[in-house]
Structures are given as structure tokens and as C-alpha cells.
Amino acid sequence: MFKRSSACRAEERREMRGGRGVVKIEHFWEPENEMHSRTRMCARLTLAPGDSIGFHRHEGEEEIFVILRGRARVDDNGVTAELLPGDTLLTGGGAGHAVESIGDEPLEMLAVIGKY
């Protein structure tokens, strides 16, 4: 099955998880009626420079971020790192993370959240 990007649901979340600015979310697939796996999110997230997603934990699920474009400063359960395109972050098992768009261009990430 394929889906055109024009058919994807888009939304904006302000101050997501206590972060700054706006996170644009393009949902590739909807867990409720398009996917059969235990997936809660499959989307592209876009953050303008300086915008962020606040620190939050993942209980009973794992989230994968794949950096597609831009630069990210992440808090990986208390460890800070800078991630570049092609880098990934995996958070789950009660651990937490936060992400901030740094640099001059927007940060784009693939985000997949799977439940267990």
C-alpha cells in the first residue's frame, strides 16, 4: 500500500511536552485505521531553529528518532549529545528524552513509536 504525501494528516503542536515553539507533525500512517502493528506514531517532525520538545519519558513503548535534516541537541535520559543527519536516538523502558533544533536550518526527524 502506498500513500501520497498530500494525503497525510498534518498538525502543529505548540510547546510540545513543555518545549519551546512549534513542532510540525506530518503523520505518514494512522495507527487507528491504517496500521495493524502496535505502533502509536509514524511521522515526520519539523522544528524551526531554537524550537524544542521538552523532556518526557516513554513507559511501555519505544520511540525512534532518525535525523533527516538539520542538527539536534538531545537529552538522552540525562546524557546530552548533538545529532546530525543519519544519526538516530532510541528511547524506551521508562527512560526519557528531549530534543532541540540547533543551527541555521530546520530540524527534520522521522519519529516512530512502538508499544510493547
PDB file of N, CA and C in Angstrom:
ATOM      1  N   MET A   1       0.857  -1.175   0.000  1.00  0.00           N
ATOM      2  CA  MET A   1       0.000   0.000   0.000  1.00  0.00           C
ATOM      3  C   MET A   1       0.900   1.233   0.000  1.00  0.00           C
ATOM      4  N   PHE A   2       0.535   2.227  -0.765  1.00  0.00           N
ATOM      5  CA  PHE A   2       1.273   3.481  -0.768  1.00  0.00           C
ATOM      6  C   PHE A   2       0.319   4.615  -0.432  1.00  0.00           C
ATOM      7  N   LYS A   3       0.920   5.735  -0.096  1.00  0.00           N
ATOM      8  CA  LYS A   3       0.138   6.912   0.273  1.00  0.00           C
ATOM      9  C   LYS A   3       0.903   8.143  -0.182  1.00  0.00           C
ATOM     10  N   ARG A   4       0.248   9.019  -0.862  1.00  0.00           N
ATOM     11  CA  ARG A   4       0.856  10.274  -1.313  1.00  0.00           C
ATOM     12  C   ARG A   4       1.011  11.229  -0.129  1.00  0.00           C
ATOM     13  N   SER A   5       2.050  12.039  -0.155  1.00  0.00           N
ATOM     14  CA  SER A   5       2.265  12.975   0.949  1.00  0.00           C
ATOM     15  C   SER A   5       1.097  13.949   1.093  1.00  0.00           C
ATOM     16  N   SER A   6       0.421  14.252   0.000  1.00  0.00           N
ATOM     17  CA  SER A   6      -0.724  15.166   0.063  1.00  0.00           C
ATOM     18  C   SER A   6      -1.894  14.575   0.858  1.00  0.00           C
ATOM     19  N   ALA A   7      -1.892  13.255   1.057  1.00  0.00           N
ATOM     20  CA  ALA A   7      -2.974  12.607   1.801  1.00  0.00           C
ATOM     21  C   ALA A   7      -2.658  12.450   3.293  1.00  0.00           C
ATOM     22  N   CYS A   8      -1.467  12.844   3.699  1.00  0.00           N
ATOM     23  CA  CYS A   8      -1.070  12.704   5.096  1.00  0.00           C
ATOM     24  C   CYS A   8      -1.674  13.814   5.949  1.00  0.00           C
ATOM     25  N   ARG A   9      -2.098  13.438   7.152  1.00  0.00           N
ATOM     26  CA  ARG A   9      -2.637  14.420   8.096  1.00  0.00           C
ATOM     27  C   ARG A   9      -1.488  15.216   8.703  1.00  0.00           C
ATOM     28  N   ALA A  10      -1.638  16.532   8.725  1.00  0.00           N
ATOM     29  CA  ALA A  10      -0.625  17.410   9.303  1.00  0.00           C
ATOM     30  C   ALA A  10      -1.228  18.163  10.483  1.00  0.00           C
ATOM     31  N   GLU A  11      -0.386  18.418  11.468  1.00  0.00           N
ATOM     32  CA  GLU A  11      -0.807  19.200  12.630  1.00  0.00           C
ATOM     33  C   GLU A  11       0.388  19.959  13.176  1.00  0.00           C
ATOM     34  N   GLU A  12       0.106  20.929  14.016  1.00  0.00           N
ATOM     35  CA  GLU A  12       1.145  21.673  14.720  1.00  0.00           C
ATOM     36  C   GLU A  12       0.853  21.612  16.206  1.00  0.00           C
ATOM     37  N   ARG A  13       1.900  21.360  16.991  1.00  0.00           N
ATOM     38  CA  ARG A  13       1.762  21.350  18.445  1.00  0.00           C
ATOM     39  C   ARG A  13       2.668  22.421  19.024  1.00  0.00           C
ATOM     40  N   ARG A  14       2.074  23.290  19.804  1.00  0.00           N
ATOM     41  CA  ARG A  14       2.831  24.358  20.452  1.00  0.00           C
ATOM     42  C   ARG A  14       3.336  23.888  21.806  1.00  0.00           C
ATOM     43  N   GLU A  15       4.570  24.281  22.093  1.00  0.00           N
ATOM     44  CA  GLU A  15       5.205  23.953  23.380  1.00  0.00           C
ATOM     45  C   GLU A  15       5.025  22.473  23.722  1.00  0.00           C
ATOM     46  N   MET A  16       5.353  21.612  22.762  1.00  0.00           N
ATOM     47  CA  MET A  16       5.157  20.166  22.899  1.00  0.00           C
ATOM     48  C   MET A  16       5.958  19.621  24.077  1.00  0.00           C
ATOM     49  N   ARG A  17       5.266  18.935  24.952  1.00  0.00           N
ATOM     50  CA  ARG A  17       5.876  18.325  26.151  1.00  0.00           C
ATOM     51  C   ARG A  17       6.638  19.348  26.990  1.00  0.00           C
ATOM     52  N   GLY A  18       6.189  20.600  26.963  1.00  0.00           N
ATOM     53  CA  GLY A  18       6.849  21.655  27.732  1.00  0.00           C
ATOM     54  C   GLY A  18       8.020  22.307  27.020  1.00  0.00           C
ATOM     55  N   GLY A  19       8.186  22.009  25.731  1.00  0.00           N
ATOM     56  CA  GLY A  19       9.271  22.597  24.952  1.00  0.00           C
ATOM     57  C   GLY A  19       8.921  24.004  24.475  1.00  0.00           C
ATOM     58  N   ARG A  20       9.766  24.524  23.573  1.00  0.00           N
ATOM     59  CA  ARG A  20       9.579  25.868  23.027  1.00  0.00           C
ATOM     60  C   ARG A  20       9.096  25.796  21.585  1.00  0.00           C
ATOM     61  N   GLY A  21       8.327  26.791  21.201  1.00  0.00           N
ATOM     62  CA  GLY A  21       7.950  26.947  19.800  1.00  0.00           C
ATOM     63  C   GLY A  21       6.925  25.936  19.321  1.00  0.00           C
ATOM     64  N   VAL A  22       7.039  25.601  18.029  1.00  0.00           N
ATOM     65  CA  VAL A  22       6.045  24.773  17.345  1.00  0.00           C
ATOM     66  C   VAL A  22       6.722  23.544  16.742  1.00  0.00           C
ATOM     67  N   VAL A  23       6.073  22.404  16.877  1.00  0.00           N
ATOM     68  CA  VAL A  23       6.508  21.180  16.201  1.00  0.00           C
ATOM     69  C   VAL A  23       5.466  20.867  15.132  1.00  0.00           C
ATOM     70  N   LYS A  24       5.908  20.809  13.889  1.00  0.00           N
ATOM     71  CA  LYS A  24       5.022  20.418  12.789  1.00  0.00           C
ATOM     72  C   LYS A  24       5.117  18.905  12.645  1.00  0.00           C
ATOM     73  N   ILE A  25       3.960  18.260  12.586  1.00  0.00           N
ATOM     74  CA  ILE A  25       3.910  16.803  12.509  1.00  0.00           C
ATOM     75  C   ILE A  25       3.152  16.391  11.251  1.00  0.00           C
ATOM     76  N   GLU A  26       3.791  15.601  10.416  1.00  0.00           N
ATOM     77  CA  GLU A  26       3.162  15.026   9.234  1.00  0.00           C
ATOM     78  C   GLU A  26       3.031  13.524   9.489  1.00  0.00           C
ATOM     79  N   HIS A  27       1.815  13.072   9.744  1.00  0.00           N
ATOM     80  CA  HIS A  27       1.557  11.668  10.061  1.00  0.00           C
ATOM     81  C   HIS A  27       1.522  10.863   8.763  1.00  0.00           C
ATOM     82  N   PHE A  28       2.503   9.969   8.592  1.00  0.00           N
ATOM     83  CA  PHE A  28       2.541   9.148   7.381  1.00  0.00           C
ATOM     84  C   PHE A  28       1.428   8.111   7.389  1.00  0.00           C
ATOM     85  N   TRP A  29       1.246   7.455   8.525  1.00  0.00           N
ATOM     86  CA  TRP A  29       0.228   6.411   8.668  1.00  0.00           C
ATOM     87  C   TRP A  29      -0.499   6.604   9.980  1.00  0.00           C
ATOM     88  N   GLU A  30      -1.789   6.330   9.985  1.00  0.00           N
ATOM     89  CA  GLU A  30      -2.619   6.487  11.176  1.00  0.00           C
ATOM     90  C   GLU A  30      -2.763   5.143  11.887  1.00  0.00           C
ATOM     91  N   PRO A  31      -2.329   5.076  13.148  1.00  0.00           N
ATOM     92  CA  PRO A  31      -2.398   3.805  13.873  1.00  0.00           C
ATOM     93  C   PRO A  31      -3.823   3.274  14.033  1.00  0.00           C
ATOM     94  N   GLU A  32      -4.783   4.142  14.167  1.00  0.00           N
ATOM     95  CA  GLU A  32      -6.155   3.720  14.451  1.00  0.00           C
ATOM     96  C   GLU A  32      -6.810   2.963  13.303  1.00  0.00           C
ATOM     97  N   ASN A  33      -6.525   3.378  12.063  1.00  0.00           N
ATOM     98  CA  ASN A  33      -7.272   2.767  10.958  1.00  0.00           C
ATOM     99  C   ASN A  33      -6.435   2.365   9.747  1.00  0.00           C
ATOM    100  N   GLU A  34      -5.128   2.597   9.755  1.00  0.00           N
ATOM    101  CA  GLU A  34      -4.310   2.229   8.607  1.00  0.00           C
ATOM    102  C   GLU A  34      -3.242   1.178   8.944  1.00  0.00           C
ATOM    103  N   MET A  35      -2.820   1.122  10.190  1.00  0.00           N
ATOM    104  CA  MET A  35      -1.735   0.224  10.587  1.00  0.00           C
ATOM    105  C   MET A  35      -2.275  -0.873  11.495  1.00  0.00           C
ATOM    106  N   HIS A  36      -1.684  -2.048  11.399  1.00  0.00           N
ATOM    107  CA  HIS A  36      -2.106  -3.179  12.232  1.00  0.00           C
ATOM    108  C   HIS A  36      -1.085  -3.499  13.317  1.00  0.00           C
ATOM    109  N   SER A  37       0.102  -2.935  13.239  1.00  0.00           N
ATOM    110  CA  SER A  37       1.128  -3.177  14.255  1.00  0.00           C
ATOM    111  C   SER A  37       0.833  -2.346  15.503  1.00  0.00           C
ATOM    112  N   ARG A  38       1.573  -2.614  16.550  1.00  0.00           N
ATOM    113  CA  ARG A  38       1.395  -1.870  17.805  1.00  0.00           C
ATOM    114  C   ARG A  38       2.209  -0.569  17.740  1.00  0.00           C
ATOM    115  N   THR A  39       1.948   0.207  16.730  1.00  0.00           N
ATOM    116  CA  THR A  39       2.655   1.468  16.505  1.00  0.00           C
ATOM    117  C   THR A  39       1.739   2.628  16.867  1.00  0.00           C
ATOM    118  N   ARG A  40       2.273   3.551  17.668  1.00  0.00           N
ATOM    119  CA  ARG A  40       1.484   4.713  18.089  1.00  0.00           C
ATOM    120  C   ARG A  40       1.728   5.921  17.188  1.00  0.00           C
ATOM    121  N   MET A  41       2.907   5.996  16.549  1.00  0.00           N
ATOM    122  CA  MET A  41       3.205   7.139  15.676  1.00  0.00           C
ATOM    123  C   MET A  41       4.194   6.722  14.603  1.00  0.00           C
ATOM    124  N   CYS A  42       3.961   7.221  13.398  1.00  0.00           N
ATOM    125  CA  CYS A  42       4.903   7.106  12.288  1.00  0.00           C
ATOM    126  C   CYS A  42       4.787   8.426  11.533  1.00  0.00           C
ATOM    127  N   ALA A  43       5.747   9.343  11.764  1.00  0.00           N
ATOM    128  CA  ALA A  43       5.566  10.711  11.282  1.00  0.00           C
ATOM    129  C   ALA A  43       6.899  11.403  11.053  1.00  0.00           C
ATOM    130  N   ARG A  44       6.830  12.498  10.300  1.00  0.00           N
ATOM    131  CA  ARG A  44       7.964  13.417  10.177  1.00  0.00           C
ATOM    132  C   ARG A  44       7.684  14.604  11.094  1.00  0.00           C
ATOM    133  N   LEU A  45       8.677  14.931  11.931  1.00  0.00           N
ATOM    134  CA  LEU A  45       8.585  16.087  12.817  1.00  0.00           C
ATOM    135  C   LEU A  45       9.530  17.154  12.295  1.00  0.00           C
ATOM    136  N   THR A  46       9.066  18.395  12.253  1.00  0.00           N
ATOM    137  CA  THR A  46       9.892  19.507  11.806  1.00  0.00           C
ATOM    138  C   THR A  46       9.867  20.600  12.873  1.00  0.00           C
ATOM    139  N   LEU A  47      11.077  21.017  13.276  1.00  0.00           N
ATOM    140  CA  LEU A  47      11.224  22.059  14.299  1.00  0.00           C
ATOM    141  C   LEU A  47      12.103  23.162  13.727  1.00  0.00           C
ATOM    142  N   ALA A  48      11.666  24.407  13.818  1.00  0.00           N
ATOM    143  CA  ALA A  48      12.472  25.546  13.394  1.00  0.00           C
ATOM    144  C   ALA A  48      13.655  25.700  14.355  1.00  0.00           C
ATOM    145  N   PRO A  49      14.723  26.371  13.919  1.00  0.00           N
ATOM    146  CA  PRO A  49      15.853  26.593  14.820  1.00  0.00           C
ATOM    147  C   PRO A  49      15.392  27.225  16.142  1.00  0.00           C
ATOM    148  N   GLY A  50      15.860  26.660  17.236  1.00  0.00           N
ATOM    149  CA  GLY A  50      15.504  27.160  18.565  1.00  0.00           C
ATOM    150  C   GLY A  50      14.278  26.500  19.169  1.00  0.00           C
ATOM    151  N   ASP A  51      13.467  25.824  18.369  1.00  0.00           N
ATOM    152  CA  ASP A  51      12.280  25.150  18.897  1.00  0.00           C
ATOM    153  C   ASP A  51      12.680  23.797  19.485  1.00  0.00           C
ATOM    154  N   SER A  52      11.838  23.289  20.391  1.00  0.00           N
ATOM    155  CA  SER A  52      12.221  22.059  21.084  1.00  0.00           C
ATOM    156  C   SER A  52      11.002  21.253  21.520  1.00  0.00           C
ATOM    157  N   ILE A  53      11.265  19.991  21.843  1.00  0.00           N
ATOM    158  CA  ILE A  53      10.313  19.098  22.503  1.00  0.00           C
ATOM    159  C   ILE A  53      10.865  18.876  23.899  1.00  0.00           C
ATOM    160  N   GLY A  54      10.066  19.151  24.919  1.00  0.00           N
ATOM    161  CA  GLY A  54      10.530  19.044  26.295  1.00  0.00           C
ATOM    162  C   GLY A  54      10.773  17.608  26.728  1.00  0.00           C
ATOM    163  N   PHE A  55      11.490  17.464  27.833  1.00  0.00           N
ATOM    164  CA  PHE A  55      11.833  16.151  28.371  1.00  0.00           C
ATOM    165  C   PHE A  55      10.572  15.390  28.763  1.00  0.00           C
ATOM    166  N   HIS A  56      10.507  14.132  28.326  1.00  0.00           N
ATOM    167  CA  HIS A  56       9.386  13.256  28.665  1.00  0.00           C
ATOM    168  C   HIS A  56       9.856  11.812  28.625  1.00  0.00           C
ATOM    169  N   ARG A  57       9.150  10.949  29.319  1.00  0.00           N
ATOM    170  CA  ARG A  57       9.519   9.537  29.436  1.00  0.00           C
ATOM    171  C   ARG A  57       8.621   8.659  28.556  1.00  0.00           C
ATOM    172  N   HIS A  58       9.139   7.487  28.223  1.00  0.00           N
ATOM    173  CA  HIS A  58       8.394   6.513  27.428  1.00  0.00           C
ATOM    174  C   HIS A  58       8.248   5.223  28.229  1.00  0.00           C
ATOM    175  N   GLU A  59       7.065   5.031  28.774  1.00  0.00           N
ATOM    176  CA  GLU A  59       6.724   3.832  29.545  1.00  0.00           C
ATOM    177  C   GLU A  59       5.925   2.892  28.646  1.00  0.00           C
ATOM    178  N   GLY A  60       6.314   1.637  28.569  1.00  0.00           N
ATOM    179  CA  GLY A  60       5.570   0.659  27.788  1.00  0.00           C
ATOM    180  C   GLY A  60       5.666   0.854  26.287  1.00  0.00           C
ATOM    181  N   GLU A  61       6.653   1.612  25.842  1.00  0.00           N
ATOM    182  CA  GLU A  61       6.834   1.873  24.414  1.00  0.00           C
ATOM    183  C   GLU A  61       8.260   2.326  24.159  1.00  0.00           C
ATOM    184  N   GLU A  62       8.646   2.341  22.887  1.00  0.00           N
ATOM    185  CA  GLU A  62       9.939   2.866  22.462  1.00  0.00           C
ATOM    186  C   GLU A  62       9.715   3.882  21.359  1.00  0.00           C
ATOM    187  N   GLU A  63      10.511   4.951  21.393  1.00  0.00           N
ATOM    188  CA  GLU A  63      10.471   5.934  20.313  1.00  0.00           C
ATOM    189  C   GLU A  63      11.822   5.973  19.633  1.00  0.00           C
ATOM    190  N   ILE A  64      11.780   5.941  18.311  1.00  0.00           N
ATOM    191  CA  ILE A  64      12.976   6.072  17.493  1.00  0.00           C
ATOM    192  C   ILE A  64      12.911   7.404  16.769  1.00  0.00           C
ATOM    193  N   PHE A  65      13.966   8.207  16.876  1.00  0.00           N
ATOM    194  CA  PHE A  65      14.140   9.404  16.064  1.00  0.00           C
ATOM    195  C   PHE A  65      15.266   9.116  15.078  1.00  0.00           C
ATOM    196  N   VAL A  66      15.039   9.435  13.810  1.00  0.00           N
ATOM    197  CA  VAL A  66      16.085   9.399  12.790  1.00  0.00           C
ATOM    198  C   VAL A  66      16.222  10.827  12.284  1.00  0.00           C
ATOM    199  N   ILE A  67      17.406  11.397  12.418  1.00  0.00           N
ATOM    200  CA  ILE A  67      17.623  12.775  11.970  1.00  0.00           C
ATOM    201  C   ILE A  67      17.749  12.758  10.443  1.00  0.00           C
ATOM    202  N   LEU A  68      16.857  13.494   9.788  1.00  0.00           N
ATOM    203  CA  LEU A  68      16.848  13.571   8.322  1.00  0.00           C
ATOM    204  C   LEU A  68      17.555  14.815   7.808  1.00  0.00           C
ATOM    205  N   ARG A  69      17.421  15.918   8.547  1.00  0.00           N
ATOM    206  CA  ARG A  69      17.975  17.208   8.107  1.00  0.00           C
ATOM    207  C   ARG A  69      18.179  18.084   9.336  1.00  0.00           C
ATOM    208  N   GLY A  70      19.194  18.916   9.314  1.00  0.00           N
ATOM    209  CA  GLY A  70      19.433  19.845  10.412  1.00  0.00           C
ATOM    210  C   GLY A  70      20.306  19.235  11.500  1.00  0.00           C
ATOM    211  N   ARG A  71      20.320  19.932  12.641  1.00  0.00           N
ATOM    212  CA  ARG A  71      21.115  19.496  13.794  1.00  0.00           C
ATOM    213  C   ARG A  71      20.222  19.475  15.024  1.00  0.00           C
ATOM    214  N   ALA A  72      20.440  18.482  15.867  1.00  0.00           N
ATOM    215  CA  ALA A  72      19.644  18.329  17.085  1.00  0.00           C
ATOM    216  C   ALA A  72      20.560  18.259  18.296  1.00  0.00           C
ATOM    217  N   ARG A  73      20.140  18.899  19.364  1.00  0.00           N
ATOM    218  CA  ARG A  73      20.748  18.669  20.672  1.00  0.00           C
ATOM    219  C   ARG A  73      19.738  17.836  21.435  1.00  0.00           C
ATOM    220  N   VAL A  74      20.159  16.653  21.888  1.00  0.00           N
ATOM    221  CA  VAL A  74      19.250  15.770  22.593  1.00  0.00           C
ATOM    222  C   VAL A  74      19.711  15.571  24.030  1.00  0.00           C
ATOM    223  N   ASP A  75      18.738  15.381  24.888  1.00  0.00           N
ATOM    224  CA  ASP A  75      18.960  14.912  26.249  1.00  0.00           C
ATOM    225  C   ASP A  75      18.475  13.467  26.236  1.00  0.00           C
ATOM    226  N   ASP A  76      19.410  12.539  26.265  1.00  0.00           N
ATOM    227  CA  ASP A  76      19.094  11.114  26.230  1.00  0.00           C
ATOM    228  C   ASP A  76      19.165  10.580  27.658  1.00  0.00           C
ATOM    229  N   ASN A  77      18.071  10.772  28.398  1.00  0.00           N
ATOM    230  CA  ASN A  77      17.986  10.306  29.781  1.00  0.00           C
ATOM    231  C   ASN A  77      19.128  10.851  30.631  1.00  0.00           C
ATOM    232  N   GLY A  78      19.447  12.142  30.436  1.00  0.00           N
ATOM    233  CA  GLY A  78      20.468  12.808  31.232  1.00  0.00           C
ATOM    234  C   GLY A  78      21.809  12.969  30.545  1.00  0.00           C
ATOM    235  N   VAL A  79      21.996  12.359  29.386  1.00  0.00           N
ATOM    236  CA  VAL A  79      23.233  12.492  28.620  1.00  0.00           C
ATOM    237  C   VAL A  79      22.943  13.389  27.420  1.00  0.00           C
ATOM    238  N   THR A  80      23.707  14.462  27.271  1.00  0.00           N
ATOM    239  CA  THR A  80      23.498  15.409  26.176  1.00  0.00           C
ATOM    240  C   THR A  80      24.413  15.065  25.002  1.00  0.00           C
ATOM    241  N   ALA A  81      23.869  15.145  23.791  1.00  0.00           N
ATOM    242  CA  ALA A  81      24.646  14.881  22.580  1.00  0.00           C
ATOM    243  C   ALA A  81      24.098  15.720  21.441  1.00  0.00           C
ATOM    244  N   GLU A  82      24.932  15.955  20.434  1.00  0.00           N
ATOM    245  CA  GLU A  82      24.488  16.602  19.198  1.00  0.00           C
ATOM    246  C   GLU A  82      24.341  15.526  18.140  1.00  0.00           C
ATOM    247  N   LEU A  83      23.206  15.508  17.458  1.00  0.00           N
ATOM    248  CA  LEU A  83      22.943  14.530  16.403  1.00  0.00           C
ATOM    249  C   LEU A  83      22.821  15.235  15.061  1.00  0.00           C
ATOM    250  N   LEU A  84      23.311  14.561  14.025  1.00  0.00           N
ATOM    251  CA  LEU A  84      23.335  15.076  12.657  1.00  0.00           C
ATOM    252  C   LEU A  84      22.570  14.126  11.744  1.00  0.00           C
ATOM    253  N   PRO A  85      22.309  14.525  10.488  1.00  0.00           N
ATOM    254  CA  PRO A  85      21.574  13.650   9.582  1.00  0.00           C
ATOM    255  C   PRO A  85      22.179  12.239   9.518  1.00  0.00           C
ATOM    256  N   GLY A  86      21.288  11.257   9.624  1.00  0.00           N
ATOM    257  CA  GLY A  86      21.689   9.865   9.638  1.00  0.00           C
ATOM    258  C   GLY A  86      21.832   9.294  11.038  1.00  0.00           C
ATOM    259  N   ASP A  87      21.998  10.154  12.053  1.00  0.00           N
ATOM    260  CA  ASP A  87      22.084   9.695  13.439  1.00  0.00           C
ATOM    261  C   ASP A  87      20.695   9.340  13.946  1.00  0.00           C
ATOM    262  N   THR A  88      20.646   8.462  14.944  1.00  0.00           N
ATOM    263  CA  THR A  88      19.376   8.007  15.496  1.00  0.00           C
ATOM    264  C   THR A  88      19.402   8.060  17.016  1.00  0.00           C
ATOM    265  N   LEU A  89      18.219   8.052  17.602  1.00  0.00           N
ATOM    266  CA  LEU A  89      18.048   8.022  19.053  1.00  0.00           C
ATOM    267  C   LEU A  89      16.926   7.045  19.356  1.00  0.00           C
ATOM    268  N   LEU A  90      17.157   6.132  20.298  1.00  0.00           N
ATOM    269  CA  LEU A  90      16.159   5.159  20.726  1.00  0.00           C
ATOM    270  C   LEU A  90      15.914   5.372  22.215  1.00  0.00           C
ATOM    271  N   THR A  91      14.646   5.572  22.586  1.00  0.00           N
ATOM    272  CA  THR A  91      14.279   5.809  23.981  1.00  0.00           C
ATOM    273  C   THR A  91      13.097   4.924  24.335  1.00  0.00           C
ATOM    274  N   GLY A  92      13.190   4.226  25.453  1.00  0.00           N
ATOM    275  CA  GLY A  92      12.095   3.381  25.912  1.00  0.00           C
ATOM    276  C   GLY A  92      12.382   2.820  27.290  1.00  0.00           C
ATOM    277  N   GLY A  93      11.519   1.932  27.744  1.00  0.00           N
ATOM    278  CA  GLY A  93      11.718   1.280  29.024  1.00  0.00           C
ATOM    279  C   GLY A  93      11.691   2.208  30.215  1.00  0.00           C
ATOM    280  N   GLY A  94      10.932   3.303  30.110  1.00  0.00           N
ATOM    281  CA  GLY A  94      10.842   4.263  31.200  1.00  0.00           C
ATOM    282  C   GLY A  94      11.867   5.387  31.128  1.00  0.00           C
ATOM    283  N   ALA A  95      12.827   5.277  30.211  1.00  0.00           N
ATOM    284  CA  ALA A  95      13.812   6.348  30.031  1.00  0.00           C
ATOM    285  C   ALA A  95      13.134   7.548  29.366  1.00  0.00           C
ATOM    286  N   GLY A  96      13.817   8.692  29.401  1.00  0.00           N
ATOM    287  CA  GLY A  96      13.254   9.903  28.828  1.00  0.00           C
ATOM    288  C   GLY A  96      14.210  10.594  27.881  1.00  0.00           C
ATOM    289  N   HIS A  97      13.664  11.550  27.147  1.00  0.00           N
ATOM    290  CA  HIS A  97      14.477  12.341  26.225  1.00  0.00           C
ATOM    291  C   HIS A  97      13.835  13.696  25.965  1.00  0.00           C
ATOM    292  N   ALA A  98      14.645  14.593  25.434  1.00  0.00           N
ATOM    293  CA  ALA A  98      14.211  15.903  24.941  1.00  0.00           C
ATOM    294  C   ALA A  98      15.040  16.175  23.696  1.00  0.00           C
ATOM    295  N   VAL A  99      14.536  17.044  22.820  1.00  0.00           N
ATOM    296  CA  VAL A  99      15.272  17.374  21.601  1.00  0.00           C
ATOM    297  C   VAL A  99      15.072  18.845  21.285  1.00  0.00           C
ATOM    298  N   GLU A 100      16.147  19.482  20.815  1.00  0.00           N
ATOM    299  CA  GLU A 100      16.115  20.894  20.441  1.00  0.00           C
ATOM    300  C   GLU A 100      16.743  21.050  19.068  1.00  0.00           C
ATOM    301  N   SER A 101      16.139  21.871  18.222  1.00  0.00           N
ATOM    302  CA  SER A 101      16.684  22.194  16.913  1.00  0.00           C
ATOM    303  C   SER A 101      17.756  23.264  17.080  1.00  0.00           C
ATOM    304  N   ILE A 102      18.983  22.929  16.683  1.00  0.00           N
ATOM    305  CA  ILE A 102      20.076  23.900  16.771  1.00  0.00           C
ATOM    306  C   ILE A 102      20.630  24.126  15.370  1.00  0.00           C
ATOM    307  N   GLY A 103      21.304  25.211  15.159  1.00  0.00           N
ATOM    308  CA  GLY A 103      21.845  25.509  13.835  1.00  0.00           C
ATOM    309  C   GLY A 103      20.946  26.473  13.089  1.00  0.00           C
ATOM    310  N   ASP A 104      21.208  26.598  11.787  1.00  0.00           N
ATOM    311  CA  ASP A 104      20.549  27.609  10.958  1.00  0.00           C
ATOM    312  C   ASP A 104      19.368  27.104  10.147  1.00  0.00           C
ATOM    313  N   GLU A 105      19.200  25.796  10.031  1.00  0.00           N
ATOM    314  CA  GLU A 105      18.103  25.265   9.227  1.00  0.00           C
ATOM    315  C   GLU A 105      17.164  24.446  10.108  1.00  0.00           C
ATOM    316  N   PRO A 106      15.937  24.225   9.644  1.00  0.00           N
ATOM    317  CA  PRO A 106      15.001  23.419  10.434  1.00  0.00           C
ATOM    318  C   PRO A 106      15.532  22.001  10.674  1.00  0.00           C
ATOM    319  N   LEU A 107      15.107  21.424  11.762  1.00  0.00           N
ATOM    320  CA  LEU A 107      15.399  20.034  12.093  1.00  0.00           C
ATOM    321  C   LEU A 107      14.240  19.187  11.602  1.00  0.00           C
ATOM    322  N   GLU A 108      14.529  18.155  10.823  1.00  0.00           N
ATOM    323  CA  GLU A 108      13.512  17.198  10.381  1.00  0.00           C
ATOM    324  C   GLU A 108      13.911  15.828  10.894  1.00  0.00           C
ATOM    325  N   MET A 109      12.946  15.135  11.504  1.00  0.00           N
ATOM    326  CA  MET A 109      13.195  13.812  12.052  1.00  0.00           C
ATOM    327  C   MET A 109      12.057  12.875  11.672  1.00  0.00           C
ATOM    328  N   LEU A 110      12.390  11.624  11.426  1.00  0.00           N
ATOM    329  CA  LEU A 110      11.398  10.568  11.351  1.00  0.00           C
ATOM    330  C   LEU A 110      11.184  10.103  12.786  1.00  0.00           C
ATOM    331  N   ALA A 111       9.925  10.000  13.213  1.00  0.00           N
ATOM    332  CA  ALA A 111       9.600   9.542  14.562  1.00  0.00           C
ATOM    333  C   ALA A 111       8.682   8.332  14.459  1.00  0.00           C
ATOM    334  N   VAL A 112       9.104   7.239  15.091  1.00  0.00           N
ATOM    335  CA  VAL A 112       8.282   6.027  15.138  1.00  0.00           C
ATOM    336  C   VAL A 112       8.176   5.609  16.600  1.00  0.00           C
ATOM    337  N   ILE A 113       6.948   5.453  17.086  1.00  0.00           N
ATOM    338  CA  ILE A 113       6.720   4.994  18.460  1.00  0.00           C
ATOM    339  C   ILE A 113       6.008   3.650  18.385  1.00  0.00           C
ATOM    340  N   GLY A 114       6.667   2.633  18.941  1.00  0.00           N
ATOM    341  CA  GLY A 114       6.104   1.299  19.011  1.00  0.00           C
ATOM    342  C   GLY A 114       5.800   0.927  20.447  1.00  0.00           C
ATOM    343  N   LYS A 115       4.649   0.291  20.666  1.00  0.00           N
ATOM    344  CA  LYS A 115       4.248  -0.147  22.004  1.00  0.00           C
ATOM    345  C   LYS A 115       4.694  -1.581  22.226  1.00  0.00           C
ATOM    346  N   TYR A 116       4.943  -1.915  23.511  1.00  0.00           N
ATOM    347  CA  TYR A 116       5.192  -3.329  23.839  1.00  0.00           C
ATOM    348  C   TYR A 116       4.324  -3.761  24.979  1.00  0.00           C
TER     349      TYR A 116
END
